């Protein structure tokens, strides 16, 4: 159990290469989130609500593998999936950091380039921030910050 974090390309696909993947054990992520919060990199926003199947005239049966929907049902399924993905990809127009829920949960929320940029700008403005990345003790923080910098240059990241 843990958090698998993937950098994505600008077209929304997972970037190839081991350097574009980061894993946290479920026991380690709270420490990283605490550090990010202490540096002011996170913002607390409510977890958005996913669309209801019933709003699209669908049931769980309609989404089961092997189901052959008629054309109208297939259209509603496509609309539902687009709305569901829109929730996962939503972000504020001018983010002040990374919404904590996007890293706290492994639901595949998109952490956008703008959110990462805002978080890193706040982090890098801290006095003596270089000490946080010095190669002593646990190297996780330095590796994580470098991973965020890479994600900022690529297309964001998703936590699964």
N, C-alpha and C. Protein backbone atom coordinates (compact mmCIF):
# COMPACT_ATOMS: atom_id res chain seq x y z
N UNK A 1 0.84 -1.18 0.00
CA UNK A 1 0.00 0.00 0.00
C UNK A 1 0.88 1.24 0.00
N UNK A 2 0.42 2.23 -0.72
CA UNK A 2 1.18 3.45 -0.78
C UNK A 2 0.65 4.37 -1.86
N UNK A 3 1.49 5.30 -2.22
CA UNK A 3 1.15 6.31 -3.20
C UNK A 3 2.11 6.19 -4.37
N UNK A 4 1.57 5.95 -5.55
CA UNK A 4 2.36 5.90 -6.78
C UNK A 4 2.10 7.19 -7.52
N UNK A 5 3.16 7.96 -7.72
CA UNK A 5 3.02 9.29 -8.31
C UNK A 5 3.73 9.30 -9.64
N UNK A 6 3.00 9.72 -10.67
CA UNK A 6 3.52 9.71 -12.03
C UNK A 6 3.51 11.10 -12.63
N UNK A 7 4.65 11.50 -13.16
CA UNK A 7 4.70 12.74 -13.95
C UNK A 7 3.99 12.45 -15.26
N UNK A 8 3.26 13.42 -15.75
CA UNK A 8 2.61 13.22 -17.03
C UNK A 8 3.14 14.23 -18.04
N UNK A 9 3.00 13.88 -19.29
CA UNK A 9 3.42 14.76 -20.37
C UNK A 9 2.32 15.80 -20.61
N UNK A 10 2.60 16.77 -21.44
CA UNK A 10 1.61 17.82 -21.70
C UNK A 10 0.35 17.29 -22.38
N UNK A 11 0.44 16.11 -23.00
CA UNK A 11 -0.75 15.53 -23.61
C UNK A 11 -1.51 14.61 -22.65
N UNK A 12 -1.11 14.61 -21.37
CA UNK A 12 -1.85 13.86 -20.36
C UNK A 12 -1.48 12.41 -20.20
N UNK A 13 -0.45 11.96 -20.85
CA UNK A 13 -0.02 10.57 -20.73
C UNK A 13 1.11 10.46 -19.72
N UNK A 14 1.22 9.31 -19.03
CA UNK A 14 2.35 9.14 -18.11
C UNK A 14 3.68 9.23 -18.87
N UNK A 15 4.61 9.99 -18.33
CA UNK A 15 5.93 10.15 -18.95
C UNK A 15 6.73 8.86 -18.75
N UNK A 16 7.47 8.46 -19.77
CA UNK A 16 8.30 7.27 -19.69
C UNK A 16 9.53 7.53 -18.83
N UNK A 17 10.04 6.48 -18.22
CA UNK A 17 11.30 6.57 -17.49
C UNK A 17 11.11 6.52 -15.98
N UNK A 18 12.02 5.85 -15.32
CA UNK A 18 11.97 5.71 -13.87
C UNK A 18 12.03 7.05 -13.14
N UNK A 19 12.69 8.04 -13.74
CA UNK A 19 12.80 9.35 -13.10
C UNK A 19 11.46 10.09 -13.04
N UNK A 20 10.45 9.57 -13.73
CA UNK A 20 9.12 10.18 -13.77
C UNK A 20 8.12 9.46 -12.88
N UNK A 21 8.65 8.69 -11.94
CA UNK A 21 7.82 7.91 -11.01
C UNK A 21 8.38 8.10 -9.61
N UNK A 22 7.49 8.30 -8.64
CA UNK A 22 7.88 8.43 -7.24
C UNK A 22 6.91 7.61 -6.42
N UNK A 23 7.41 6.91 -5.43
CA UNK A 23 6.55 6.09 -4.57
C UNK A 23 6.77 6.46 -3.12
N UNK A 24 5.66 6.65 -2.43
CA UNK A 24 5.67 6.84 -0.99
C UNK A 24 4.90 5.69 -0.35
N UNK A 25 5.45 5.12 0.71
CA UNK A 25 4.67 4.19 1.52
C UNK A 25 3.54 4.99 2.17
N UNK A 26 2.46 4.32 2.49
CA UNK A 26 1.32 5.05 3.07
C UNK A 26 1.70 5.70 4.39
N UNK A 27 2.74 5.18 5.06
CA UNK A 27 3.19 5.77 6.32
C UNK A 27 4.09 6.98 6.12
N UNK A 28 4.68 7.13 4.94
CA UNK A 28 5.62 8.22 4.67
C UNK A 28 4.93 9.49 4.15
N UNK A 29 3.84 9.33 3.43
CA UNK A 29 3.18 10.49 2.82
C UNK A 29 2.76 11.54 3.85
N UNK A 30 2.25 11.17 5.03
CA UNK A 30 1.88 12.21 5.99
C UNK A 30 3.06 13.11 6.38
N UNK A 31 4.26 12.56 6.48
CA UNK A 31 5.43 13.38 6.82
C UNK A 31 5.73 14.38 5.70
N UNK A 32 5.63 13.94 4.45
CA UNK A 32 5.88 14.83 3.32
C UNK A 32 4.81 15.92 3.26
N UNK A 33 3.56 15.53 3.48
CA UNK A 33 2.48 16.53 3.47
C UNK A 33 2.66 17.53 4.60
N UNK A 34 3.11 17.06 5.76
CA UNK A 34 3.38 17.99 6.88
C UNK A 34 4.47 18.98 6.50
N UNK A 35 5.54 18.50 5.90
CA UNK A 35 6.64 19.39 5.49
C UNK A 35 6.14 20.38 4.44
N UNK A 36 5.40 19.88 3.45
CA UNK A 36 4.88 20.78 2.42
C UNK A 36 3.96 21.83 3.03
N UNK A 37 3.15 21.42 3.97
CA UNK A 37 2.26 22.36 4.65
C UNK A 37 3.06 23.39 5.43
N UNK A 38 4.10 22.94 6.14
CA UNK A 38 4.95 23.86 6.91
C UNK A 38 5.63 24.88 6.02
N UNK A 39 5.98 24.50 4.80
CA UNK A 39 6.61 25.43 3.86
C UNK A 39 5.58 26.29 3.14
N UNK A 40 4.29 26.04 3.34
CA UNK A 40 3.24 26.83 2.70
C UNK A 40 2.91 26.38 1.29
N UNK A 41 3.32 25.17 0.94
CA UNK A 41 3.15 24.67 -0.43
C UNK A 41 1.76 24.11 -0.71
N UNK A 42 1.01 23.80 0.35
CA UNK A 42 -0.32 23.20 0.20
C UNK A 42 -1.41 24.20 0.53
N UNK A 43 -2.54 24.02 -0.10
CA UNK A 43 -3.74 24.78 0.24
C UNK A 43 -4.85 23.78 0.56
N UNK A 44 -5.64 24.12 1.54
CA UNK A 44 -6.77 23.25 1.91
C UNK A 44 -8.01 23.68 1.14
N UNK A 45 -8.44 22.81 0.28
CA UNK A 45 -9.66 23.02 -0.48
C UNK A 45 -10.53 21.79 -0.30
N UNK A 46 -11.84 21.93 -0.43
CA UNK A 46 -12.70 20.75 -0.30
C UNK A 46 -12.48 19.78 -1.46
N UNK A 47 -12.58 18.50 -1.14
CA UNK A 47 -12.50 17.48 -2.18
C UNK A 47 -13.73 17.63 -3.07
N UNK A 48 -13.54 17.76 -4.37
CA UNK A 48 -14.71 17.94 -5.25
C UNK A 48 -15.56 16.68 -5.31
N UNK A 49 -16.81 16.88 -5.63
CA UNK A 49 -17.75 15.76 -5.76
C UNK A 49 -17.73 15.23 -7.18
N UNK A 50 -17.72 13.92 -7.28
CA UNK A 50 -17.81 13.28 -8.59
C UNK A 50 -19.27 13.30 -9.06
N UNK A 51 -19.48 13.26 -10.36
CA UNK A 51 -20.86 13.22 -10.85
C UNK A 51 -21.53 11.91 -10.46
N UNK A 52 -22.82 11.98 -10.29
CA UNK A 52 -23.61 10.79 -9.95
C UNK A 52 -24.01 10.07 -11.24
N UNK A 53 -23.93 8.76 -11.21
CA UNK A 53 -24.36 7.97 -12.38
C UNK A 53 -25.81 8.29 -12.76
N UNK A 54 -26.63 8.44 -11.74
CA UNK A 54 -28.06 8.67 -11.99
C UNK A 54 -28.30 9.98 -12.76
N UNK A 55 -27.42 10.95 -12.61
CA UNK A 55 -27.57 12.22 -13.34
C UNK A 55 -27.42 12.01 -14.84
N UNK A 56 -26.84 10.89 -15.22
CA UNK A 56 -26.65 10.55 -16.65
C UNK A 56 -27.55 9.39 -17.06
N UNK A 57 -28.49 9.04 -16.20
CA UNK A 57 -29.40 7.94 -16.50
C UNK A 57 -28.68 6.60 -16.54
N UNK A 58 -27.64 6.45 -15.73
CA UNK A 58 -26.84 5.23 -15.73
C UNK A 58 -26.89 4.53 -14.38
N UNK A 59 -26.56 3.26 -14.40
CA UNK A 59 -26.38 2.48 -13.18
C UNK A 59 -25.02 1.79 -13.26
N UNK A 60 -24.59 1.20 -12.17
CA UNK A 60 -23.32 0.48 -12.16
C UNK A 60 -23.31 -0.65 -13.19
N UNK A 61 -24.45 -1.22 -13.44
CA UNK A 61 -24.56 -2.30 -14.44
C UNK A 61 -24.13 -1.84 -15.82
N UNK A 62 -24.39 -0.57 -16.13
CA UNK A 62 -24.04 -0.03 -17.44
C UNK A 62 -22.53 0.04 -17.65
N UNK A 63 -21.77 0.08 -16.57
CA UNK A 63 -20.32 0.24 -16.67
C UNK A 63 -19.54 -1.06 -16.50
N UNK A 64 -20.25 -2.15 -16.27
CA UNK A 64 -19.56 -3.42 -16.07
C UNK A 64 -18.86 -3.88 -17.35
N UNK A 65 -17.65 -4.45 -17.20
CA UNK A 65 -16.94 -4.97 -18.38
C UNK A 65 -17.78 -6.01 -19.12
N UNK A 66 -17.71 -5.96 -20.41
CA UNK A 66 -18.45 -6.91 -21.23
C UNK A 66 -19.86 -6.47 -21.58
N UNK A 67 -20.34 -5.40 -20.96
CA UNK A 67 -21.68 -4.89 -21.27
C UNK A 67 -21.65 -4.22 -22.64
N UNK A 68 -22.62 -4.52 -23.45
CA UNK A 68 -22.73 -3.94 -24.79
C UNK A 68 -23.89 -2.94 -24.79
N UNK A 69 -23.59 -1.66 -24.50
CA UNK A 69 -24.67 -0.67 -24.43
C UNK A 69 -25.17 -0.28 -25.82
N UNK A 70 -26.42 0.15 -25.86
CA UNK A 70 -26.95 0.69 -27.11
C UNK A 70 -26.31 2.07 -27.33
N UNK A 71 -26.58 2.67 -28.48
CA UNK A 71 -25.93 3.93 -28.84
C UNK A 71 -26.22 5.04 -27.82
N UNK A 72 -27.47 5.18 -27.40
CA UNK A 72 -27.83 6.24 -26.46
C UNK A 72 -27.12 6.05 -25.12
N UNK A 73 -27.06 4.82 -24.64
CA UNK A 73 -26.38 4.54 -23.37
C UNK A 73 -24.88 4.77 -23.51
N UNK A 74 -24.31 4.37 -24.64
CA UNK A 74 -22.88 4.60 -24.87
C UNK A 74 -22.56 6.10 -24.86
N UNK A 75 -23.44 6.90 -25.40
CA UNK A 75 -23.25 8.35 -25.39
C UNK A 75 -23.29 8.88 -23.97
N UNK A 76 -24.24 8.41 -23.17
CA UNK A 76 -24.34 8.85 -21.77
C UNK A 76 -23.12 8.40 -20.97
N UNK A 77 -22.61 7.20 -21.25
CA UNK A 77 -21.40 6.71 -20.57
C UNK A 77 -20.23 7.62 -20.92
N UNK A 78 -20.09 7.98 -22.17
CA UNK A 78 -19.00 8.87 -22.59
C UNK A 78 -19.12 10.23 -21.90
N UNK A 79 -20.34 10.76 -21.80
CA UNK A 79 -20.55 12.04 -21.12
C UNK A 79 -20.21 11.94 -19.64
N UNK A 80 -20.63 10.84 -19.01
CA UNK A 80 -20.31 10.64 -17.59
C UNK A 80 -18.80 10.56 -17.39
N UNK A 81 -18.12 9.79 -18.20
CA UNK A 81 -16.66 9.65 -18.06
C UNK A 81 -15.95 10.99 -18.27
N UNK A 82 -16.42 11.79 -19.21
CA UNK A 82 -15.83 13.11 -19.43
C UNK A 82 -16.04 14.00 -18.20
N UNK A 83 -17.22 13.95 -17.61
CA UNK A 83 -17.50 14.75 -16.41
C UNK A 83 -16.66 14.26 -15.23
N UNK A 84 -16.50 12.96 -15.11
CA UNK A 84 -15.69 12.37 -14.04
C UNK A 84 -14.24 12.81 -14.18
N UNK A 85 -13.71 12.75 -15.39
CA UNK A 85 -12.33 13.17 -15.64
C UNK A 85 -12.16 14.68 -15.41
N UNK A 86 -13.17 15.44 -15.74
CA UNK A 86 -13.11 16.89 -15.52
C UNK A 86 -12.95 17.21 -14.03
N UNK A 87 -13.58 16.42 -13.16
CA UNK A 87 -13.42 16.61 -11.72
C UNK A 87 -11.98 16.32 -11.32
N UNK A 88 -11.42 15.24 -11.86
CA UNK A 88 -10.04 14.86 -11.52
C UNK A 88 -9.02 15.88 -12.04
N UNK A 89 -9.35 16.56 -13.12
CA UNK A 89 -8.42 17.50 -13.75
C UNK A 89 -8.66 18.95 -13.36
N UNK A 90 -9.67 19.24 -12.57
CA UNK A 90 -10.03 20.62 -12.24
C UNK A 90 -8.96 21.30 -11.40
N UNK A 91 -8.82 22.60 -11.62
CA UNK A 91 -7.90 23.39 -10.80
C UNK A 91 -8.40 24.83 -10.79
N UNK A 92 -7.89 25.58 -9.83
CA UNK A 92 -8.24 26.99 -9.75
C UNK A 92 -7.51 27.74 -10.86
N UNK A 93 -8.07 28.85 -11.29
CA UNK A 93 -7.45 29.61 -12.38
C UNK A 93 -6.12 30.23 -11.94
N UNK A 94 -6.01 30.62 -10.68
CA UNK A 94 -4.77 31.19 -10.16
C UNK A 94 -4.45 30.48 -8.84
N UNK A 95 -3.86 29.30 -8.92
CA UNK A 95 -3.62 28.53 -7.69
C UNK A 95 -2.60 29.20 -6.78
N UNK A 96 -2.77 28.95 -5.50
CA UNK A 96 -1.88 29.48 -4.47
C UNK A 96 -0.95 28.39 -3.93
N UNK A 97 -1.04 27.20 -4.52
CA UNK A 97 -0.26 26.04 -4.11
C UNK A 97 -0.96 24.80 -4.60
N UNK A 98 -0.56 23.67 -4.06
CA UNK A 98 -1.16 22.39 -4.44
C UNK A 98 -2.29 22.08 -3.47
N UNK A 99 -3.50 21.84 -3.97
CA UNK A 99 -4.57 21.42 -3.07
C UNK A 99 -4.16 20.11 -2.37
N UNK A 100 -4.21 20.11 -1.05
CA UNK A 100 -3.72 18.97 -0.27
C UNK A 100 -4.42 17.67 -0.66
N UNK A 101 -5.71 17.72 -0.96
CA UNK A 101 -6.43 16.49 -1.28
C UNK A 101 -5.86 15.79 -2.51
N UNK A 102 -5.24 16.54 -3.41
CA UNK A 102 -4.71 15.94 -4.63
C UNK A 102 -3.52 15.01 -4.35
N UNK A 103 -2.85 15.23 -3.24
CA UNK A 103 -1.75 14.34 -2.84
C UNK A 103 -2.17 13.41 -1.71
N UNK A 104 -3.11 13.85 -0.91
CA UNK A 104 -3.55 13.07 0.25
C UNK A 104 -4.28 11.79 -0.18
N UNK A 105 -4.98 11.87 -1.29
CA UNK A 105 -5.76 10.73 -1.78
C UNK A 105 -5.13 10.19 -3.05
N UNK A 106 -5.27 8.92 -3.27
CA UNK A 106 -4.66 8.28 -4.44
C UNK A 106 -5.69 8.06 -5.55
N UNK A 107 -6.47 9.10 -5.81
CA UNK A 107 -7.56 9.02 -6.79
C UNK A 107 -7.17 9.47 -8.19
N UNK A 108 -5.91 9.81 -8.41
CA UNK A 108 -5.49 10.22 -9.74
C UNK A 108 -5.81 11.66 -10.09
N UNK A 109 -5.97 12.51 -9.07
CA UNK A 109 -6.20 13.92 -9.36
C UNK A 109 -4.99 14.50 -10.06
N UNK A 110 -5.23 15.40 -11.00
CA UNK A 110 -4.16 16.08 -11.70
C UNK A 110 -3.64 17.23 -10.85
N UNK A 111 -2.34 17.20 -10.55
CA UNK A 111 -1.68 18.35 -9.94
C UNK A 111 -1.06 19.09 -11.12
N UNK A 112 -1.58 20.26 -11.40
CA UNK A 112 -1.22 20.98 -12.62
C UNK A 112 0.15 21.66 -12.49
N UNK A 113 0.67 22.03 -13.64
CA UNK A 113 1.93 22.78 -13.68
C UNK A 113 1.79 24.07 -12.89
N UNK A 114 0.66 24.75 -13.03
CA UNK A 114 0.44 26.01 -12.32
C UNK A 114 0.43 25.79 -10.81
N UNK A 115 -0.18 24.71 -10.34
CA UNK A 115 -0.21 24.42 -8.90
C UNK A 115 1.19 24.10 -8.39
N UNK A 116 1.94 23.31 -9.15
CA UNK A 116 3.31 22.97 -8.75
C UNK A 116 4.18 24.22 -8.76
N UNK A 117 4.02 25.05 -9.78
CA UNK A 117 4.79 26.29 -9.87
C UNK A 117 4.52 27.19 -8.67
N UNK A 118 3.26 27.33 -8.29
CA UNK A 118 2.90 28.15 -7.13
C UNK A 118 3.53 27.58 -5.86
N UNK A 119 3.44 26.27 -5.70
CA UNK A 119 4.01 25.62 -4.50
C UNK A 119 5.52 25.80 -4.44
N UNK A 120 6.20 25.59 -5.55
CA UNK A 120 7.65 25.72 -5.57
C UNK A 120 8.09 27.17 -5.39
N UNK A 121 7.32 28.11 -5.92
CA UNK A 121 7.64 29.53 -5.74
C UNK A 121 7.59 29.89 -4.26
N UNK A 122 6.56 29.43 -3.57
CA UNK A 122 6.44 29.69 -2.13
C UNK A 122 7.58 29.02 -1.38
N UNK A 123 7.86 27.77 -1.71
CA UNK A 123 8.94 27.01 -1.07
C UNK A 123 10.29 27.70 -1.26
N UNK A 124 10.61 28.06 -2.49
CA UNK A 124 11.92 28.62 -2.81
C UNK A 124 12.11 30.03 -2.26
N UNK A 125 11.02 30.69 -1.86
CA UNK A 125 11.11 32.02 -1.26
C UNK A 125 11.40 31.97 0.24
N UNK A 126 11.37 30.78 0.81
CA UNK A 126 11.65 30.63 2.25
C UNK A 126 13.12 30.97 2.54
N UNK A 127 13.39 31.64 3.63
CA UNK A 127 14.78 31.90 3.98
C UNK A 127 15.51 30.59 4.30
N UNK A 128 16.69 30.46 3.82
CA UNK A 128 17.55 29.30 4.08
C UNK A 128 16.96 27.99 3.58
N UNK A 129 16.18 28.04 2.51
CA UNK A 129 15.53 26.83 2.00
C UNK A 129 16.57 25.80 1.56
N UNK A 130 17.74 26.23 1.17
CA UNK A 130 18.78 25.30 0.74
C UNK A 130 19.15 24.29 1.81
N UNK A 131 18.98 24.65 3.06
CA UNK A 131 19.29 23.72 4.15
C UNK A 131 18.36 22.51 4.10
N UNK A 132 17.12 22.71 3.69
CA UNK A 132 16.15 21.61 3.63
C UNK A 132 16.57 20.53 2.64
N UNK A 133 17.37 20.91 1.65
CA UNK A 133 17.76 19.95 0.61
C UNK A 133 19.21 19.49 0.75
N UNK A 134 19.83 19.79 1.86
CA UNK A 134 21.21 19.36 2.05
C UNK A 134 21.27 17.83 2.15
N UNK A 135 22.34 17.24 1.63
CA UNK A 135 22.44 15.77 1.61
C UNK A 135 22.87 15.16 2.94
N UNK A 136 22.07 15.40 3.97
CA UNK A 136 22.31 14.76 5.26
C UNK A 136 21.02 14.09 5.71
N UNK A 137 21.14 13.03 6.43
CA UNK A 137 19.94 12.35 6.94
C UNK A 137 19.11 11.74 5.83
N UNK A 138 17.80 11.89 5.95
CA UNK A 138 16.84 11.32 5.01
C UNK A 138 16.85 12.15 3.72
N UNK A 139 17.10 11.51 2.61
CA UNK A 139 17.20 12.19 1.31
C UNK A 139 15.84 12.36 0.63
N UNK A 140 14.80 11.85 1.26
CA UNK A 140 13.49 11.84 0.61
C UNK A 140 13.03 13.23 0.21
N UNK A 141 13.18 14.21 1.11
CA UNK A 141 12.70 15.56 0.79
C UNK A 141 13.38 16.13 -0.44
N UNK A 142 14.69 16.02 -0.52
CA UNK A 142 15.43 16.55 -1.67
C UNK A 142 14.97 15.86 -2.95
N UNK A 143 14.82 14.54 -2.90
CA UNK A 143 14.36 13.79 -4.08
C UNK A 143 12.95 14.22 -4.48
N UNK A 144 12.09 14.41 -3.50
CA UNK A 144 10.71 14.81 -3.76
C UNK A 144 10.65 16.20 -4.40
N UNK A 145 11.40 17.15 -3.87
CA UNK A 145 11.39 18.50 -4.43
C UNK A 145 11.93 18.47 -5.86
N UNK A 146 12.96 17.71 -6.11
CA UNK A 146 13.48 17.59 -7.48
C UNK A 146 12.45 16.94 -8.40
N UNK A 147 11.69 15.99 -7.88
CA UNK A 147 10.62 15.36 -8.65
C UNK A 147 9.55 16.40 -9.00
N UNK A 148 9.19 17.24 -8.04
CA UNK A 148 8.23 18.31 -8.31
C UNK A 148 8.75 19.27 -9.37
N UNK A 149 10.02 19.58 -9.31
CA UNK A 149 10.60 20.48 -10.32
C UNK A 149 10.52 19.85 -11.72
N UNK A 150 10.76 18.55 -11.79
CA UNK A 150 10.65 17.85 -13.07
C UNK A 150 9.20 17.85 -13.56
N UNK A 151 8.26 17.60 -12.65
CA UNK A 151 6.83 17.59 -13.01
C UNK A 151 6.39 18.95 -13.51
N UNK A 152 6.94 19.99 -12.94
CA UNK A 152 6.61 21.36 -13.36
C UNK A 152 7.03 21.59 -14.81
N UNK A 153 8.13 21.00 -15.21
CA UNK A 153 8.64 21.18 -16.57
C UNK A 153 7.94 20.26 -17.58
N UNK A 154 7.26 19.25 -17.12
CA UNK A 154 6.68 18.25 -18.01
C UNK A 154 5.21 18.51 -18.31
N UNK A 155 4.35 18.32 -17.32
CA UNK A 155 2.92 18.46 -17.56
C UNK A 155 2.10 18.21 -16.31
N UNK A 156 2.77 18.21 -15.16
CA UNK A 156 2.07 17.96 -13.91
C UNK A 156 2.28 16.52 -13.46
N UNK A 157 1.45 16.10 -12.50
CA UNK A 157 1.56 14.74 -11.97
C UNK A 157 0.22 14.25 -11.48
N UNK A 158 0.16 12.95 -11.29
CA UNK A 158 -1.03 12.31 -10.72
C UNK A 158 -0.60 11.32 -9.65
N UNK A 159 -1.38 11.25 -8.58
CA UNK A 159 -1.13 10.31 -7.49
C UNK A 159 -2.17 9.19 -7.56
N UNK A 160 -1.67 7.96 -7.59
CA UNK A 160 -2.56 6.78 -7.63
C UNK A 160 -2.25 5.88 -6.46
